[in-house]
N, C-alpha and C. Protein backbone atom coordinates (compact mmCIF):
# COMPACT_ATOMS: atom_id res chain seq x y z
N UNK A 1 158.82 59.22 -43.63
CA UNK A 1 159.34 59.73 -42.68
C UNK A 1 158.17 60.48 -41.84
N UNK A 2 157.84 60.23 -40.40
CA UNK A 2 156.98 60.75 -39.67
C UNK A 2 157.13 62.23 -39.17
N UNK A 3 156.23 63.12 -39.65
CA UNK A 3 156.37 64.13 -39.41
C UNK A 3 156.15 64.74 -37.86
N UNK A 4 157.03 65.48 -37.05
CA UNK A 4 156.66 66.04 -35.63
C UNK A 4 155.65 66.66 -35.70
N UNK A 5 154.77 66.43 -34.80
CA UNK A 5 153.33 67.24 -34.47
C UNK A 5 153.57 68.69 -33.44
N UNK A 6 152.87 69.66 -33.98
CA UNK A 6 153.07 70.89 -33.42
C UNK A 6 152.37 70.57 -31.78
N UNK A 7 152.92 70.95 -30.58
CA UNK A 7 152.27 70.89 -29.32
C UNK A 7 152.17 72.03 -28.92
N UNK A 8 150.71 72.22 -28.38
CA UNK A 8 150.08 72.95 -27.45
C UNK A 8 150.19 72.76 -25.98
N UNK A 9 151.08 73.33 -25.23
CA UNK A 9 151.16 73.11 -23.80
C UNK A 9 150.26 74.15 -22.94
N UNK A 10 149.15 73.60 -22.38
CA UNK A 10 148.23 74.61 -21.73
C UNK A 10 148.16 74.42 -20.37
N UNK A 11 148.41 75.46 -19.72
CA UNK A 11 147.98 75.44 -18.43
C UNK A 11 146.70 76.18 -17.78
N UNK A 12 146.10 75.49 -17.17
CA UNK A 12 144.94 75.80 -16.41
C UNK A 12 144.68 76.32 -14.94
N UNK A 13 143.74 77.36 -14.59
CA UNK A 13 143.76 77.36 -13.04
C UNK A 13 142.42 78.42 -13.18
N UNK A 14 141.61 78.00 -12.04
CA UNK A 14 140.48 78.84 -11.76
C UNK A 14 140.79 79.06 -10.06
N UNK A 15 140.60 80.21 -9.44
CA UNK A 15 140.99 80.78 -8.25
C UNK A 15 139.98 80.40 -7.12
N UNK A 16 138.66 79.98 -7.47
CA UNK A 16 137.77 79.96 -6.55
C UNK A 16 136.71 78.32 -6.83
N UNK A 17 136.83 78.00 -8.01
CA UNK A 17 136.06 76.73 -7.99
C UNK A 17 136.76 75.39 -7.77
N UNK A 18 138.04 75.34 -7.70
CA UNK A 18 138.70 74.09 -7.54
C UNK A 18 138.62 73.20 -8.67
N UNK A 19 139.36 71.89 -8.50
CA UNK A 19 139.56 71.07 -9.59
C UNK A 19 138.30 70.48 -10.10
N UNK A 20 137.21 70.72 -9.75
CA UNK A 20 135.74 69.97 -10.29
C UNK A 20 135.42 70.76 -11.74
N UNK A 21 136.14 71.89 -11.82
CA UNK A 21 135.99 72.51 -13.20
C UNK A 21 136.52 71.78 -14.41
N UNK A 22 137.63 71.27 -13.96
CA UNK A 22 138.56 70.65 -14.94
C UNK A 22 138.77 69.01 -14.69
N UNK A 23 137.36 68.45 -14.34
CA UNK A 23 137.55 67.00 -14.23
C UNK A 23 137.53 66.56 -15.54
N UNK A 24 137.03 67.09 -16.84
CA UNK A 24 136.91 66.30 -17.75
C UNK A 24 137.98 66.73 -18.73
N UNK A 25 139.13 67.25 -18.16
CA UNK A 25 140.26 67.76 -19.25
C UNK A 25 140.68 66.93 -18.94
N UNK A 26 141.40 66.09 -20.31
CA UNK A 26 142.36 64.90 -20.51
C UNK A 26 143.97 65.45 -20.32
N UNK A 27 144.56 64.67 -20.12
CA UNK A 27 146.35 65.04 -19.98
C UNK A 27 146.63 65.41 -21.54
N UNK A 28 146.36 64.71 -22.47
CA UNK A 28 146.80 64.93 -23.70
C UNK A 28 145.53 64.62 -24.62
N UNK A 29 145.78 65.37 -25.78
CA UNK A 29 144.42 65.49 -26.63
C UNK A 29 145.38 65.69 -28.12
N UNK A 30 145.06 64.85 -29.08
CA UNK A 30 145.40 64.89 -30.24
C UNK A 30 143.95 65.46 -31.29
N UNK A 31 144.52 66.55 -32.13
CA UNK A 31 143.24 66.76 -32.70
C UNK A 31 143.80 67.29 -34.06
N UNK A 32 142.75 67.29 -35.34
CA UNK A 32 142.93 67.34 -36.62
C UNK A 32 143.35 68.96 -36.87
N UNK A 33 143.30 69.53 -38.25
CA UNK A 33 143.25 70.84 -38.12
C UNK A 33 141.92 71.64 -38.12
N UNK A 34 141.01 70.88 -37.83
CA UNK A 34 139.51 71.66 -37.80
C UNK A 34 139.74 72.65 -36.21
N UNK A 35 138.63 73.52 -36.07
CA UNK A 35 139.00 74.54 -34.82
C UNK A 35 138.60 73.18 -33.61
N UNK A 36 139.44 73.64 -32.49
CA UNK A 36 139.22 73.00 -31.28
C UNK A 36 138.60 73.80 -30.38
N UNK A 37 137.33 73.41 -29.86
CA UNK A 37 136.35 74.16 -29.23
C UNK A 37 136.58 73.91 -27.76
N UNK A 38 136.35 75.21 -27.09
CA UNK A 38 136.26 75.16 -25.72
C UNK A 38 134.89 75.91 -25.04
N UNK A 39 134.52 74.81 -23.85
CA UNK A 39 133.28 75.38 -23.12
C UNK A 39 132.62 74.32 -22.65
N UNK A 40 131.43 74.73 -21.99
CA UNK A 40 130.82 73.44 -21.39
C UNK A 40 129.88 72.57 -22.16
N UNK A 41 129.83 72.49 -23.46
CA UNK A 41 128.87 72.02 -23.97
C UNK A 41 129.48 70.52 -24.51
N UNK A 42 128.51 69.50 -24.97
CA UNK A 42 129.13 68.02 -24.86
C UNK A 42 129.77 67.93 -26.42
N UNK A 43 129.46 69.06 -27.05
CA UNK A 43 130.44 68.64 -28.37
C UNK A 43 131.84 69.63 -28.05
N UNK A 44 132.10 70.19 -26.91
CA UNK A 44 133.53 70.83 -27.09
C UNK A 44 134.77 69.75 -26.82
N UNK A 45 135.43 69.94 -27.31
CA UNK A 45 137.09 69.24 -27.28
C UNK A 45 137.58 69.26 -25.84
N UNK A 46 137.68 70.57 -25.46
CA UNK A 46 138.29 70.81 -24.25
C UNK A 46 136.67 71.40 -23.41
N UNK A 47 136.34 70.31 -22.58
CA UNK A 47 134.95 70.69 -21.57
C UNK A 47 135.33 71.01 -20.22
N UNK A 48 134.69 72.11 -19.82
CA UNK A 48 135.04 72.67 -18.55
C UNK A 48 133.72 73.06 -18.04
N UNK A 49 133.65 72.32 -16.58
CA UNK A 49 132.53 72.48 -15.81
C UNK A 49 132.21 73.80 -15.16
N UNK A 50 131.65 74.61 -15.84
CA UNK A 50 131.62 75.89 -15.15
C UNK A 50 130.28 76.70 -15.75
N UNK A 51 129.17 76.75 -14.79
CA UNK A 51 127.98 77.52 -15.23
C UNK A 51 127.98 78.50 -16.29
N UNK A 52 129.02 79.25 -15.76
CA UNK A 52 128.99 80.87 -16.51
C UNK A 52 129.43 80.89 -18.02
N UNK A 53 130.02 79.59 -18.10
CA UNK A 53 130.95 79.10 -19.61
C UNK A 53 129.68 78.99 -20.39
N UNK A 54 130.05 79.75 -21.80
CA UNK A 54 128.94 79.17 -22.71
C UNK A 54 129.27 77.90 -23.24
N UNK A 55 128.11 77.22 -23.82
CA UNK A 55 128.48 75.98 -24.33
C UNK A 55 129.79 75.92 -25.70
N UNK A 56 130.01 76.89 -26.37
CA UNK A 56 130.92 77.04 -27.14
C UNK A 56 131.56 78.45 -26.70
N UNK A 57 132.51 78.35 -25.97
CA UNK A 57 132.96 79.80 -25.43
C UNK A 57 134.01 80.44 -26.37
N UNK A 58 135.05 79.30 -26.70
CA UNK A 58 136.10 80.01 -27.64
C UNK A 58 136.58 78.94 -28.34
N UNK A 59 137.48 78.99 -29.39
CA UNK A 59 138.19 78.02 -30.31
C UNK A 59 139.48 78.39 -30.51
N UNK A 60 140.43 77.36 -30.55
CA UNK A 60 141.88 77.79 -31.14
C UNK A 60 141.47 77.06 -32.36
N UNK A 61 142.17 77.93 -33.40
CA UNK A 61 141.86 77.43 -35.07
C UNK A 61 143.30 77.24 -35.44
N UNK A 62 143.74 76.38 -36.04
CA UNK A 62 145.21 76.02 -36.72
C UNK A 62 145.01 76.45 -38.17
N UNK A 63 145.93 77.02 -38.86
CA UNK A 63 146.11 77.55 -39.99
C UNK A 63 147.69 77.42 -40.56
N UNK A 64 147.56 77.47 -41.83
CA UNK A 64 149.34 77.56 -42.16
C UNK A 64 149.41 78.92 -43.00
N UNK A 65 150.23 79.80 -42.64
CA UNK A 65 150.82 80.93 -43.23
C UNK A 65 151.22 80.86 -44.64
N UNK A 66 151.19 81.60 -45.64
CA UNK A 66 151.63 81.45 -47.04
C UNK A 66 153.17 81.49 -46.83
N UNK A 67 153.81 80.52 -47.34
CA UNK A 67 155.16 80.44 -47.49
C UNK A 67 155.64 79.59 -46.12
N UNK A 68 154.77 79.14 -45.33
CA UNK A 68 155.31 78.68 -43.76
C UNK A 68 154.97 76.96 -44.15
N UNK A 69 155.80 76.47 -43.39
CA UNK A 69 155.95 74.91 -43.26
C UNK A 69 155.27 74.59 -41.85
N UNK A 70 154.82 75.39 -40.98
CA UNK A 70 154.15 75.14 -39.59
C UNK A 70 152.89 75.31 -39.50
N UNK A 71 152.35 74.75 -38.59
CA UNK A 71 150.99 75.55 -38.31
C UNK A 71 151.07 76.80 -37.16
N UNK A 72 150.19 77.68 -37.65
CA UNK A 72 149.85 78.64 -36.62
C UNK A 72 148.34 78.75 -36.16
N UNK A 73 148.26 79.74 -35.25
CA UNK A 73 146.91 79.50 -34.62
C UNK A 73 146.38 80.81 -34.07
N UNK A 74 145.12 80.86 -34.66
CA UNK A 74 144.24 81.85 -34.09
C UNK A 74 143.32 81.45 -32.88
N UNK A 75 143.02 82.53 -31.87
CA UNK A 75 142.00 82.23 -30.78
C UNK A 75 140.68 82.98 -31.25
N UNK A 76 139.64 82.65 -31.33
CA UNK A 76 138.53 83.20 -31.84
C UNK A 76 137.49 83.35 -30.68
N UNK A 77 136.80 84.24 -30.03
CA UNK A 77 135.68 84.28 -29.13
C UNK A 77 134.40 83.95 -29.94
N UNK A 78 133.76 82.96 -28.97
CA UNK A 78 132.46 82.42 -29.66
C UNK A 78 131.03 82.71 -28.88
N UNK A 79 131.41 83.01 -27.77
CA UNK A 79 130.43 83.64 -26.71
C UNK A 79 129.62 85.15 -27.12
N UNK A 80 128.42 84.82 -27.28
CA UNK A 80 127.48 86.31 -27.43
C UNK A 80 127.73 86.97 -26.25
N UNK A 81 127.78 86.46 -25.02
CA UNK A 81 127.54 87.10 -23.82
C UNK A 81 128.96 87.45 -23.21
N UNK A 82 129.92 86.53 -23.24
CA UNK A 82 131.03 86.63 -22.93
C UNK A 82 132.11 87.21 -23.46
N UNK A 83 133.60 87.78 -22.78
CA UNK A 83 134.40 88.27 -23.35
C UNK A 83 135.55 87.19 -23.14
N UNK A 84 136.68 87.32 -23.71
CA UNK A 84 137.88 86.71 -23.72
C UNK A 84 138.95 87.50 -23.91
N UNK A 85 139.62 87.51 -22.90
CA UNK A 85 141.10 88.41 -23.07
C UNK A 85 142.32 87.92 -23.20
N UNK A 86 143.13 88.33 -24.15
CA UNK A 86 144.25 87.45 -24.96
C UNK A 86 144.96 88.47 -24.67
N UNK A 87 146.33 88.39 -24.31
CA UNK A 87 147.70 88.85 -24.37
C UNK A 87 147.24 90.64 -24.37
N UNK A 88 146.40 91.00 -23.55
CA UNK A 88 145.96 92.59 -23.27
C UNK A 88 144.85 93.03 -24.01
N UNK A 89 144.34 92.13 -24.93
CA UNK A 89 143.02 92.54 -25.88
C UNK A 89 141.81 91.96 -25.48
N UNK A 90 140.96 92.51 -25.36
CA UNK A 90 139.68 92.26 -25.15
C UNK A 90 138.87 91.65 -26.35
N UNK A 91 138.76 90.73 -26.63
CA UNK A 91 137.64 89.89 -27.65
C UNK A 91 136.17 89.88 -27.31
N UNK A 92 135.52 90.25 -28.18
CA UNK A 92 134.02 89.60 -28.17
C UNK A 92 133.58 89.10 -29.30
N UNK A 93 132.21 88.66 -29.45
CA UNK A 93 131.86 87.86 -30.28
C UNK A 93 132.18 87.55 -31.77
N UNK A 94 132.97 86.35 -32.14
CA UNK A 94 133.41 86.42 -33.50
C UNK A 94 134.57 87.17 -33.53
N UNK A 95 135.37 87.87 -32.61
CA UNK A 95 136.76 88.66 -33.08
C UNK A 95 137.64 87.41 -32.53
N UNK A 96 138.84 87.56 -33.32
CA UNK A 96 139.86 86.78 -33.39
C UNK A 96 141.12 87.25 -33.30
N UNK A 97 142.38 86.98 -32.78
CA UNK A 97 143.46 87.28 -32.63
C UNK A 97 144.52 86.13 -32.85
N UNK A 98 145.72 86.39 -33.82
CA UNK A 98 146.49 85.39 -33.54
C UNK A 98 147.40 85.00 -32.63
N UNK A 99 148.11 83.77 -32.26
CA UNK A 99 148.64 83.62 -31.01
C UNK A 99 150.20 83.52 -31.46
N UNK A 100 151.15 84.16 -30.29
CA UNK A 100 152.58 83.83 -30.43
C UNK A 100 153.02 82.46 -29.73
N UNK A 101 154.19 82.54 -29.24
CA UNK A 101 154.64 81.24 -28.65
C UNK A 101 154.14 81.26 -27.35
N UNK A 102 153.75 82.15 -26.50
CA UNK A 102 153.51 82.17 -25.07
C UNK A 102 152.11 83.16 -25.01
N UNK A 103 151.01 82.56 -24.43
CA UNK A 103 149.87 83.51 -24.78
C UNK A 103 149.33 83.29 -23.20
N UNK A 104 148.71 84.28 -23.04
CA UNK A 104 147.81 84.79 -21.77
C UNK A 104 146.34 84.91 -21.90
N UNK A 105 145.73 83.96 -21.31
CA UNK A 105 144.17 84.21 -21.92
C UNK A 105 143.11 83.92 -20.46
N UNK A 106 142.07 84.79 -20.37
CA UNK A 106 141.42 84.55 -19.32
C UNK A 106 139.75 84.94 -19.82
N UNK A 107 139.08 83.98 -19.09
CA UNK A 107 137.39 84.03 -19.66
C UNK A 107 136.74 83.53 -18.22
N UNK A 108 135.81 84.08 -17.89
CA UNK A 108 134.93 83.44 -16.99
C UNK A 108 135.51 82.96 -15.74
N UNK A 109 136.48 83.86 -15.28
CA UNK A 109 137.42 83.65 -14.09
C UNK A 109 138.45 82.54 -14.28
N UNK A 110 138.39 82.05 -15.61
CA UNK A 110 139.59 80.74 -15.77
C UNK A 110 140.83 81.32 -16.22
N UNK A 111 142.08 81.07 -15.97
CA UNK A 111 143.12 81.69 -16.31
C UNK A 111 143.89 80.50 -17.02
N UNK A 112 144.21 80.88 -18.40
CA UNK A 112 144.88 79.75 -19.17
C UNK A 112 145.93 80.47 -19.90
N UNK A 113 147.19 79.44 -19.84
CA UNK A 113 148.50 80.11 -20.68
C UNK A 113 148.62 78.76 -21.76
N UNK A 114 149.00 79.55 -22.87
CA UNK A 114 148.93 78.37 -23.94
C UNK A 114 150.32 78.76 -24.59
N UNK A 115 151.36 77.57 -24.70
CA UNK A 115 152.87 77.73 -25.24
C UNK A 115 152.55 76.90 -26.52
N UNK A 116 153.06 77.74 -27.40
CA UNK A 116 153.39 76.88 -28.75
C UNK A 116 154.46 76.05 -29.27
N UNK A 117 154.61 75.00 -29.17
CA UNK A 117 155.64 74.31 -29.69
C UNK A 117 155.70 74.02 -31.17
N UNK A 118 156.18 74.72 -32.19
CA UNK A 118 156.13 74.20 -33.55
C UNK A 118 156.61 72.89 -33.99
N UNK A 119 155.74 72.05 -35.00
CA UNK A 119 156.39 71.09 -35.59
C UNK A 119 155.76 71.03 -36.90
N UNK A 120 156.37 70.22 -37.58
CA UNK A 120 156.29 70.13 -39.13
C UNK A 120 155.24 69.24 -39.61
N UNK A 121 154.46 68.81 -38.79
CA UNK A 121 152.99 68.32 -39.75
C UNK A 121 151.92 69.49 -39.88
N UNK A 122 151.21 69.47 -40.86
CA UNK A 122 150.22 70.04 -41.44
C UNK A 122 149.32 69.26 -40.94
N UNK A 123 148.98 68.22 -40.47
CA UNK A 123 147.56 67.26 -40.26
C UNK A 123 146.92 67.32 -39.07
N UNK A 124 147.72 67.68 -37.96
CA UNK A 124 147.20 67.47 -36.83
C UNK A 124 148.26 68.23 -35.93
N UNK A 125 147.69 68.50 -34.59
CA UNK A 125 148.39 68.77 -33.79
C UNK A 125 148.05 68.31 -32.04
N UNK A 126 148.98 68.39 -31.01
CA UNK A 126 148.62 67.74 -29.92
C UNK A 126 148.72 68.62 -28.80
N UNK A 127 147.65 68.83 -27.84
CA UNK A 127 147.44 69.79 -26.80
C UNK A 127 147.61 68.86 -25.54
N UNK A 128 148.71 69.23 -24.56
CA UNK A 128 149.27 68.84 -23.32
C UNK A 128 148.68 69.75 -22.15
N UNK A 129 147.81 69.04 -21.35
CA UNK A 129 146.99 69.79 -20.40
C UNK A 129 147.62 69.88 -19.01
N UNK A 130 147.63 70.87 -18.33
CA UNK A 130 148.05 71.07 -16.86
C UNK A 130 147.22 71.69 -15.95
N UNK A 131 146.76 71.40 -15.12
CA UNK A 131 146.06 72.04 -13.92
C UNK A 131 146.93 72.45 -12.83
N UNK A 132 147.03 74.19 -12.92
CA UNK A 132 147.91 74.73 -11.70
C UNK A 132 147.14 75.03 -10.52
N UNK A 133 147.53 74.67 -9.23
CA UNK A 133 147.08 75.06 -8.21
C UNK A 133 147.31 76.27 -7.59
N UNK A 134 148.10 77.31 -8.36
CA UNK A 134 148.38 78.59 -8.12
C UNK A 134 148.24 79.56 -9.34
N UNK A 135 147.95 80.88 -9.23
CA UNK A 135 147.64 81.65 -10.49
C UNK A 135 148.52 81.76 -11.52
N UNK A 136 148.20 81.91 -12.68
CA UNK A 136 148.98 81.82 -13.66
C UNK A 136 149.10 83.20 -14.25
N UNK A 137 148.34 83.97 -14.17
CA UNK A 137 147.98 85.45 -14.40
C UNK A 137 147.92 86.56 -13.61
N UNK A 138 148.85 87.57 -13.42
CA UNK A 138 148.33 88.71 -12.30
C UNK A 138 147.97 89.62 -13.08
N UNK A 139 146.62 89.97 -12.88
CA UNK A 139 145.81 90.97 -13.37
C UNK A 139 145.55 92.32 -12.41
N UNK A 140 146.12 93.43 -12.33
CA UNK A 140 145.53 94.33 -11.32
C UNK A 140 144.25 94.99 -11.82
N UNK A 141 143.80 94.98 -13.08
CA UNK A 141 142.52 95.82 -13.40
C UNK A 141 141.72 94.53 -12.96
N UNK A 142 140.09 94.84 -12.92
CA UNK A 142 139.22 94.04 -12.84
C UNK A 142 139.01 92.90 -14.21
N UNK A 143 138.57 91.72 -13.62
CA UNK A 143 138.27 90.58 -14.35
C UNK A 143 137.27 90.91 -15.35
N UNK A 144 137.26 89.96 -16.49
CA UNK A 144 136.27 90.33 -17.44
C UNK A 144 134.87 89.78 -17.12
N UNK A 145 133.86 90.30 -17.49
CA UNK A 145 132.48 89.94 -16.97
C UNK A 145 131.79 89.06 -18.14
N UNK A 146 130.60 88.65 -17.98
CA UNK A 146 129.83 87.73 -18.87
C UNK A 146 128.62 88.36 -19.46
N UNK A 147 128.90 90.26 -18.97
CA UNK A 147 127.97 90.75 -19.41
C UNK A 147 128.41 91.80 -20.43
N UNK A 148 127.57 92.34 -21.47
CA UNK A 148 128.08 93.80 -22.03
C UNK A 148 128.18 94.94 -21.39
N UNK A 149 129.17 95.65 -21.42
CA UNK A 149 129.24 96.93 -20.82
C UNK A 149 129.21 98.02 -21.60
N UNK A 150 128.68 99.40 -21.13
CA UNK A 150 128.38 100.62 -22.18
C UNK A 150 129.71 101.25 -22.26
N UNK A 151 130.25 101.06 -21.44
CA UNK A 151 131.82 101.79 -21.64
C UNK A 151 133.01 100.94 -22.07
N UNK A 152 133.36 101.16 -23.28
CA UNK A 152 134.21 100.24 -23.90
C UNK A 152 135.65 100.09 -23.04
N UNK A 153 136.25 98.89 -23.12
CA UNK A 153 137.26 98.65 -22.31
C UNK A 153 138.48 99.12 -23.04
N UNK A 154 139.71 99.70 -22.39
CA UNK A 154 140.82 99.94 -23.07
C UNK A 154 141.91 98.79 -22.66
N UNK A 155 142.66 98.16 -23.85
CA UNK A 155 143.50 97.17 -23.47
C UNK A 155 144.47 97.76 -22.46
N UNK A 156 144.91 97.03 -21.49
CA UNK A 156 145.95 97.22 -20.59
C UNK A 156 147.22 97.39 -21.05
N UNK A 157 147.98 98.34 -20.49
CA UNK A 157 149.40 98.66 -20.84
C UNK A 157 150.18 97.66 -20.80
N UNK A 158 151.32 97.40 -21.84
CA UNK A 158 152.12 96.31 -21.87
C UNK A 158 152.92 96.39 -20.59
N UNK A 159 153.22 95.17 -19.91
CA UNK A 159 153.82 94.64 -18.83
C UNK A 159 153.05 94.84 -17.49
N UNK A 160 151.79 94.97 -17.27
CA UNK A 160 150.90 95.50 -16.35
C UNK A 160 150.61 93.76 -15.90
N UNK A 161 150.08 92.95 -16.98
CA UNK A 161 149.85 91.93 -16.66
C UNK A 161 150.84 90.87 -16.64
N UNK A 162 151.05 89.88 -15.56
CA UNK A 162 152.42 89.22 -15.64
C UNK A 162 151.98 87.77 -14.89
N UNK A 163 152.55 86.87 -15.58
CA UNK A 163 152.28 85.39 -15.04
C UNK A 163 153.00 85.55 -13.74
N UNK A 164 152.39 84.78 -12.99
CA UNK A 164 152.70 84.43 -11.29
C UNK A 164 154.16 83.85 -11.23
N UNK A 165 154.95 84.81 -10.56
CA UNK A 165 156.58 84.53 -10.25
C UNK A 165 156.79 83.33 -9.62
N UNK A 166 157.69 82.60 -10.37
CA UNK A 166 157.97 81.14 -9.98
C UNK A 166 157.26 80.04 -10.40
N UNK A 167 156.26 80.00 -11.41
CA UNK A 167 155.68 79.12 -11.76
C UNK A 167 156.00 78.81 -13.18
N UNK A 168 156.15 77.59 -13.33
CA UNK A 168 156.29 76.81 -14.66
C UNK A 168 157.50 77.50 -15.43
N UNK A 169 158.73 76.85 -15.47
CA UNK A 169 159.85 77.89 -16.25
C UNK A 169 159.36 78.05 -17.36
N UNK A 170 158.70 77.10 -18.16
CA UNK A 170 158.61 77.26 -19.52
C UNK A 170 157.87 78.18 -20.03
N UNK A 171 156.88 79.06 -18.94
CA UNK A 171 156.19 80.06 -19.53
C UNK A 171 156.70 81.59 -19.50
N UNK A 172 158.31 81.39 -19.32
CA UNK A 172 159.07 82.78 -19.39
C UNK A 172 159.46 83.24 -20.87
N UNK A 173 159.45 84.16 -21.18
CA UNK A 173 159.44 84.51 -22.69
C UNK A 173 160.03 86.08 -22.92
N UNK A 174 160.52 86.37 -24.02
CA UNK A 174 160.91 87.76 -24.12
C UNK A 174 159.59 88.94 -24.08
N UNK A 175 160.13 89.90 -23.87
CA UNK A 175 159.13 91.16 -23.70
C UNK A 175 158.81 91.84 -25.05
N UNK A 176 157.87 92.29 -25.18
CA UNK A 176 157.04 93.09 -26.68
C UNK A 176 156.89 94.44 -26.07
N UNK A 177 157.59 95.19 -27.06
CA UNK A 177 157.49 96.76 -26.95
C UNK A 177 156.87 97.20 -28.11
N UNK A 178 156.65 98.73 -28.16
CA UNK A 178 155.89 99.32 -29.02
C UNK A 178 154.47 99.04 -29.40
N UNK A 179 154.10 99.46 -30.68
CA UNK A 179 152.35 99.24 -30.80
C UNK A 179 152.36 98.19 -32.02
N UNK A 180 153.22 97.21 -31.91
CA UNK A 180 152.99 95.85 -33.00
C UNK A 180 152.15 95.13 -32.39
N UNK A 181 151.25 95.13 -31.38
CA UNK A 181 150.59 94.25 -30.71
C UNK A 181 149.12 94.02 -31.64
N UNK A 182 148.80 92.78 -32.00
CA UNK A 182 147.77 92.34 -32.92
C UNK A 182 146.48 93.07 -32.65
N UNK A 183 145.54 93.39 -33.20
CA UNK A 183 144.25 93.84 -33.08
C UNK A 183 143.31 92.77 -33.43
N UNK A 184 142.37 92.73 -32.51
CA UNK A 184 141.31 91.62 -32.97
C UNK A 184 140.43 91.68 -34.28
N UNK A 185 140.21 90.64 -34.88
CA UNK A 185 139.74 90.89 -36.14
C UNK A 185 138.14 90.03 -35.91
N UNK A 186 137.05 90.59 -36.53
CA UNK A 186 135.88 89.66 -36.69
C UNK A 186 136.42 88.27 -37.79
N UNK A 187 136.13 87.18 -37.24
CA UNK A 187 136.07 85.86 -37.73
C UNK A 187 134.74 85.92 -38.62
N UNK A 188 135.34 84.93 -39.72
CA UNK A 188 134.23 84.36 -40.47
C UNK A 188 133.88 83.11 -40.21
N UNK A 189 133.62 82.17 -41.02
CA UNK A 189 133.27 80.51 -41.09
C UNK A 189 134.55 79.97 -40.58
N UNK A 190 134.14 78.68 -40.53
CA UNK A 190 135.38 77.93 -39.95
C UNK A 190 136.48 77.58 -41.07
N UNK A 191 136.38 78.36 -42.25
CA UNK A 191 137.59 78.01 -43.20
C UNK A 191 138.84 79.06 -42.67
N UNK A 192 139.91 78.22 -42.71
CA UNK A 192 141.28 78.82 -42.23
C UNK A 192 141.69 79.66 -43.00
N UNK A 193 142.00 80.85 -42.25
CA UNK A 193 142.60 82.09 -42.93
C UNK A 193 143.97 82.24 -42.60
N UNK A 194 144.61 83.00 -43.56
CA UNK A 194 146.17 83.10 -43.28
C UNK A 194 146.36 84.50 -42.22
N UNK A 195 146.96 84.61 -41.41
CA UNK A 195 147.37 85.89 -40.53
C UNK A 195 148.88 85.89 -40.16
N UNK A 196 149.29 87.25 -39.87
CA UNK A 196 150.64 87.40 -39.57
C UNK A 196 150.77 86.70 -38.00
N UNK A 197 151.94 86.03 -37.75
CA UNK A 197 152.13 85.47 -36.39
C UNK A 197 152.63 86.87 -35.77
N UNK A 198 152.19 87.20 -34.56
CA UNK A 198 152.93 88.42 -33.69
C UNK A 198 153.80 87.98 -33.00
N UNK A 199 154.70 88.71 -32.24
CA UNK A 199 155.98 88.54 -31.28
C UNK A 199 155.00 88.08 -29.93
N UNK A 200 156.01 87.75 -28.97
CA UNK A 200 155.78 86.94 -27.59
C UNK A 200 155.09 88.25 -26.98
N UNK A 201 154.24 88.11 -26.09
CA UNK A 201 153.81 89.14 -25.02
C UNK A 201 154.93 89.07 -23.79
N UNK A 202 154.65 90.41 -23.32
CA UNK A 202 155.46 90.66 -22.01
C UNK A 202 155.16 89.62 -20.91
N UNK A 203 156.07 88.93 -20.35
CA UNK A 203 155.72 87.75 -19.40
C UNK A 203 157.00 88.31 -18.05
N UNK A 204 156.62 87.76 -16.86
CA UNK A 204 157.50 88.07 -15.65
C UNK A 204 158.28 86.76 -15.46
């Protein structure tokens, strides 16, 4: 019997660069359980045409938690000079965080929303990509930069960052409260490591 694949529904937006950034983005991509690379390099599985981007900027890394029959995912920052903002946390080089059902990501001006739909297959997963003409994330604070800063950033308070209202009904999800937000961890090699899956972030 064929097992259902886990599906990552990925929406992308850049406020100023236009569709040229996403010219190489496929509508659908099937991938095995190795890390899926995002960047501007030729070896990136999701290749984005943006000069500010590192050749390997970040990765989506599937793994299976102990006792679980479905795939879970980490997002790991791979850029030495850039930062990646994930669900209110700022990741630097080799830091990683587990993804929930709905995830808001920003890097080098790109806004990305990743929705995880669990399946039963542990051998592969599918990414479905969509380019949005309108913003996906409302961020009242300054965007992340590609330079290291002397003053450490504090994670934004829950609820301050929101998805743009009225966009893509499947992006809506429950709110997250309390201090249970996952903290970024330093990543090791490409070996899949188990992590506890967090609850969803606050969305508008």
